[in-house]
Amino acid sequence: MLCNVAALSALGIETLLKSYIRGAFNVGASETEITEVLVQMHLYVGWPRCLNAFTVLEEVMEERRK
């Protein structure tokens, strides 16, 4: 799942990224692990795409808190 999160963040496909982040949480990935994937991706795709991915991560975490 984390590989999919990395790939989708690189491609900038936010709608699918949201689903895969949810899936990663469901199979036991932690917030820290997902955050680290996104931080590492900035080296390959740049900060603008990563910032979009962080926005999606924040939306998913907000949904999970409710």
N, C-alpha and C. Protein backbone atom coordinates (compact mmCIF):
# COMPACT_ATOMS: atom_id res chain seq x y z
N MET A 1 0.81 -1.19 0.00
CA MET A 1 0.00 0.00 0.00
C MET A 1 0.86 1.27 0.00
N LEU A 2 1.97 1.24 0.73
CA LEU A 2 2.81 2.43 0.78
C LEU A 2 3.44 2.73 -0.58
N CYS A 3 3.73 1.69 -1.35
CA CYS A 3 4.25 1.90 -2.71
C CYS A 3 3.19 2.58 -3.57
N ASN A 4 1.95 2.19 -3.41
CA ASN A 4 0.87 2.82 -4.15
C ASN A 4 0.70 4.28 -3.74
N VAL A 5 0.82 4.55 -2.46
CA VAL A 5 0.74 5.94 -1.98
C VAL A 5 1.85 6.76 -2.62
N ALA A 6 3.05 6.20 -2.68
CA ALA A 6 4.17 6.91 -3.29
C ALA A 6 3.90 7.17 -4.78
N ALA A 7 3.45 6.15 -5.49
CA ALA A 7 3.22 6.28 -6.92
C ALA A 7 2.12 7.30 -7.22
N LEU A 8 1.03 7.23 -6.48
CA LEU A 8 -0.09 8.14 -6.73
C LEU A 8 0.27 9.57 -6.36
N SER A 9 1.08 9.75 -5.33
CA SER A 9 1.51 11.10 -4.99
C SER A 9 2.43 11.64 -6.09
N ALA A 10 3.25 10.78 -6.67
CA ALA A 10 4.13 11.20 -7.77
C ALA A 10 3.33 11.58 -9.01
N LEU A 11 2.27 10.85 -9.26
CA LEU A 11 1.45 11.12 -10.44
C LEU A 11 0.48 12.28 -10.22
N GLY A 12 0.25 12.63 -8.96
CA GLY A 12 -0.65 13.74 -8.66
C GLY A 12 -2.11 13.38 -8.79
N ILE A 13 -2.45 12.12 -8.56
CA ILE A 13 -3.84 11.67 -8.67
C ILE A 13 -4.44 11.65 -7.27
N GLU A 14 -4.96 12.80 -6.85
CA GLU A 14 -5.41 12.96 -5.48
C GLU A 14 -6.63 12.12 -5.12
N THR A 15 -7.55 11.91 -6.06
CA THR A 15 -8.75 11.14 -5.73
C THR A 15 -8.41 9.70 -5.38
N LEU A 16 -7.55 9.08 -6.16
CA LEU A 16 -7.13 7.71 -5.85
C LEU A 16 -6.21 7.68 -4.64
N LEU A 17 -5.39 8.71 -4.50
CA LEU A 17 -4.47 8.77 -3.37
C LEU A 17 -5.23 8.70 -2.05
N LYS A 18 -6.35 9.39 -2.00
CA LYS A 18 -7.17 9.38 -0.78
C LYS A 18 -7.61 7.96 -0.44
N SER A 19 -8.04 7.21 -1.44
CA SER A 19 -8.47 5.82 -1.21
C SER A 19 -7.32 4.95 -0.74
N TYR A 20 -6.16 5.12 -1.32
CA TYR A 20 -5.02 4.30 -0.94
C TYR A 20 -4.45 4.67 0.42
N ILE A 21 -4.56 5.94 0.79
CA ILE A 21 -4.14 6.32 2.15
C ILE A 21 -5.09 5.67 3.16
N ARG A 22 -6.39 5.72 2.87
CA ARG A 22 -7.36 5.03 3.74
C ARG A 22 -7.01 3.54 3.84
N GLY A 23 -6.71 2.93 2.71
CA GLY A 23 -6.36 1.51 2.69
C GLY A 23 -5.09 1.23 3.49
N ALA A 24 -4.11 2.10 3.37
CA ALA A 24 -2.87 1.92 4.13
C ALA A 24 -3.15 1.95 5.63
N PHE A 25 -3.98 2.89 6.06
CA PHE A 25 -4.36 2.92 7.47
C PHE A 25 -5.09 1.63 7.87
N ASN A 26 -5.96 1.15 6.99
CA ASN A 26 -6.74 -0.05 7.30
C ASN A 26 -5.90 -1.31 7.44
N VAL A 27 -4.76 -1.36 6.75
CA VAL A 27 -3.91 -2.55 6.86
C VAL A 27 -2.79 -2.37 7.87
N GLY A 28 -2.82 -1.27 8.62
CA GLY A 28 -1.91 -1.12 9.75
C GLY A 28 -0.79 -0.11 9.59
N ALA A 29 -0.75 0.63 8.50
CA ALA A 29 0.29 1.66 8.37
C ALA A 29 0.00 2.79 9.36
N SER A 30 1.04 3.35 9.89
CA SER A 30 0.87 4.45 10.84
C SER A 30 0.93 5.79 10.11
N GLU A 31 0.48 6.81 10.80
CA GLU A 31 0.54 8.16 10.25
C GLU A 31 1.99 8.54 9.96
N THR A 32 2.89 8.14 10.82
CA THR A 32 4.31 8.43 10.64
C THR A 32 4.86 7.76 9.39
N GLU A 33 4.49 6.51 9.14
CA GLU A 33 4.97 5.80 7.96
C GLU A 33 4.49 6.47 6.67
N ILE A 34 3.23 6.84 6.64
CA ILE A 34 2.69 7.48 5.45
C ILE A 34 3.33 8.85 5.25
N THR A 35 3.52 9.58 6.33
CA THR A 35 4.18 10.88 6.25
C THR A 35 5.60 10.74 5.71
N GLU A 36 6.33 9.74 6.19
CA GLU A 36 7.70 9.51 5.71
C GLU A 36 7.74 9.19 4.22
N VAL A 37 6.77 8.42 3.74
CA VAL A 37 6.71 8.14 2.30
C VAL A 37 6.57 9.44 1.53
N LEU A 38 5.68 10.30 1.98
CA LEU A 38 5.46 11.56 1.27
C LEU A 38 6.68 12.47 1.36
N VAL A 39 7.34 12.50 2.50
CA VAL A 39 8.55 13.32 2.64
C VAL A 39 9.63 12.82 1.68
N GLN A 40 9.81 11.52 1.60
CA GLN A 40 10.82 10.96 0.70
C GLN A 40 10.51 11.24 -0.77
N MET A 41 9.23 11.30 -1.11
CA MET A 41 8.84 11.53 -2.49
C MET A 41 9.21 12.92 -3.00
N HIS A 42 9.39 13.87 -2.10
CA HIS A 42 9.71 15.22 -2.56
C HIS A 42 11.03 15.26 -3.33
N LEU A 43 11.93 14.34 -3.04
CA LEU A 43 13.20 14.29 -3.76
C LEU A 43 13.01 13.94 -5.23
N TYR A 44 11.96 13.20 -5.52
CA TYR A 44 11.74 12.70 -6.87
C TYR A 44 10.71 13.52 -7.65
N VAL A 45 9.74 14.09 -6.96
CA VAL A 45 8.65 14.76 -7.68
C VAL A 45 8.51 16.23 -7.31
N GLY A 46 9.22 16.70 -6.32
CA GLY A 46 9.16 18.11 -5.92
C GLY A 46 8.12 18.37 -4.84
N TRP A 47 8.30 19.52 -4.19
CA TRP A 47 7.42 19.87 -3.07
C TRP A 47 5.98 20.15 -3.47
N PRO A 48 5.71 20.77 -4.62
CA PRO A 48 4.31 21.05 -4.93
C PRO A 48 3.43 19.80 -4.95
N ARG A 49 3.89 18.74 -5.57
CA ARG A 49 3.11 17.50 -5.58
C ARG A 49 3.01 16.91 -4.18
N CYS A 50 4.09 17.00 -3.42
CA CYS A 50 4.06 16.45 -2.05
C CYS A 50 3.12 17.26 -1.17
N LEU A 51 3.10 18.56 -1.34
CA LEU A 51 2.18 19.38 -0.55
C LEU A 51 0.74 19.02 -0.85
N ASN A 52 0.44 18.74 -2.11
CA ASN A 52 -0.91 18.28 -2.46
C ASN A 52 -1.21 16.95 -1.77
N ALA A 53 -0.24 16.06 -1.76
CA ALA A 53 -0.43 14.76 -1.11
C ALA A 53 -0.61 14.93 0.40
N PHE A 54 0.13 15.86 1.00
CA PHE A 54 -0.04 16.11 2.44
C PHE A 54 -1.43 16.66 2.74
N THR A 55 -1.97 17.46 1.83
CA THR A 55 -3.33 17.96 2.00
C THR A 55 -4.32 16.80 2.00
N VAL A 56 -4.13 15.86 1.09
CA VAL A 56 -4.99 14.67 1.03
C VAL A 56 -4.84 13.85 2.31
N LEU A 57 -3.61 13.66 2.77
CA LEU A 57 -3.38 12.93 4.02
C LEU A 57 -4.09 13.60 5.18
N GLU A 58 -4.00 14.91 5.25
CA GLU A 58 -4.67 15.65 6.32
C GLU A 58 -6.19 15.46 6.27
N GLU A 59 -6.76 15.45 5.07
CA GLU A 59 -8.20 15.23 4.92
C GLU A 59 -8.59 13.85 5.43
N VAL A 60 -7.81 12.83 5.07
CA VAL A 60 -8.10 11.47 5.52
C VAL A 60 -7.97 11.36 7.03
N MET A 61 -6.94 11.98 7.60
CA MET A 61 -6.77 11.91 9.05
C MET A 61 -7.92 12.62 9.75
N GLU A 62 -8.40 13.72 9.19
CA GLU A 62 -9.55 14.42 9.76
C GLU A 62 -10.79 13.54 9.73
N GLU A 63 -11.01 12.84 8.62
CA GLU A 63 -12.14 11.91 8.53
C GLU A 63 -12.03 10.82 9.58
N ARG A 64 -10.83 10.32 9.80
CA ARG A 64 -10.63 9.24 10.78
C ARG A 64 -10.87 9.71 12.21
N ARG A 65 -10.62 10.98 12.47
CA ARG A 65 -10.83 11.51 13.82
C ARG A 65 -12.31 11.63 14.18
N LYS A 66 -13.15 11.73 13.16
CA LYS A 66 -14.60 11.91 13.40
C LYS A 66 -15.27 10.61 13.72
